[in-house]
């Protein structure tokens, strides 16, 4: 917390730098790496049963699909187990994904369904989607549509968030697709049998080999906050990192049957209060140019109201502020 001129800036979220988390199917652990490829720990989380899908919520809790245990476990940002069965009653769960409302979607490879749970782990619908065959990776586009890698019929299918079929063969011509991920421009990347294919936002193939030279058991994909793509090589016990041109940058090693990858959410914007001026109370927000932030205000740290919205880094002056009253400020990404 930072204070100046009787005002206080309250961060909406506190996390460290973006790190790379990898599920090790063969020894039931989650490894953590820094973005420069340094192993931080080979047991951020352990005692898992065939860990597969990984997903972070907005408060940096990590969720892990236990393929053999038919559950999803929840860990806090420090790797402490919150609950071993945040959701249960699954059927060999693979991919995980959160929608914009905080609902969790789970691909059940064992019975060819997608289940949906609310943010508390309460089941909304066990068979929200059934028109899939051996579903693996899940990904949402910017409009809230859900994309599913159908490993059994060599396509990626598109569904609405309510489970309606949008396009059963949104991306085709694949071979055993497992991982799906979108880049910041809306292009879809799919891992399939030793390579990564790229499609545009309408499902048109851009290149069948955006990245190649991978182990034939390529699994999941993840982008960092820049444009670097990470690919899990299950058979090679590595994770490969590629730049935006598909050139190999580095290889993460020391893994044990890596399946799914998740990258922790980017650090929150920095909100810096400046001294009181005759024009009002001035605040500086520092963030990347592509991020939209809302400055909120409160007088009691309980009730918050939006004050100003902008993208990237900016300076904002609260002209209604009074140096005689306590006011609290925080930022939230949209």
Foldseek 3Di string as FASTA:
>chain_A
DDDALQEAEDAPAFDDAKWKWWAFQQFAAIWIGRPVQHTPDRHLDGPAARWAAWDADPRGWIWTQRQVQQAIWIAHNSSHTPGGHLDHPAARWHYWDAFPQQKIWTQHQRQQAIWIAHNSSHGPGGHQERLAHRWHYWDAFPVQWIWTQRQPQAAIFIAHNSHHGDGGHLAHPAHRWAAWDADPQQWIWTDGQFAIWIAHNSSHTPGGHQAGPAHRPKAYWDQDPPAKIWIDRQVVQWIWIAGNSRHTDDIHHDGHRTHYMDMTDHGDWDWAWDHADQQATKIKTADAQAWKKWKWKDQPVPDIDTDDIDGHIDMDGDNPDDSVGRMYIYMDTD
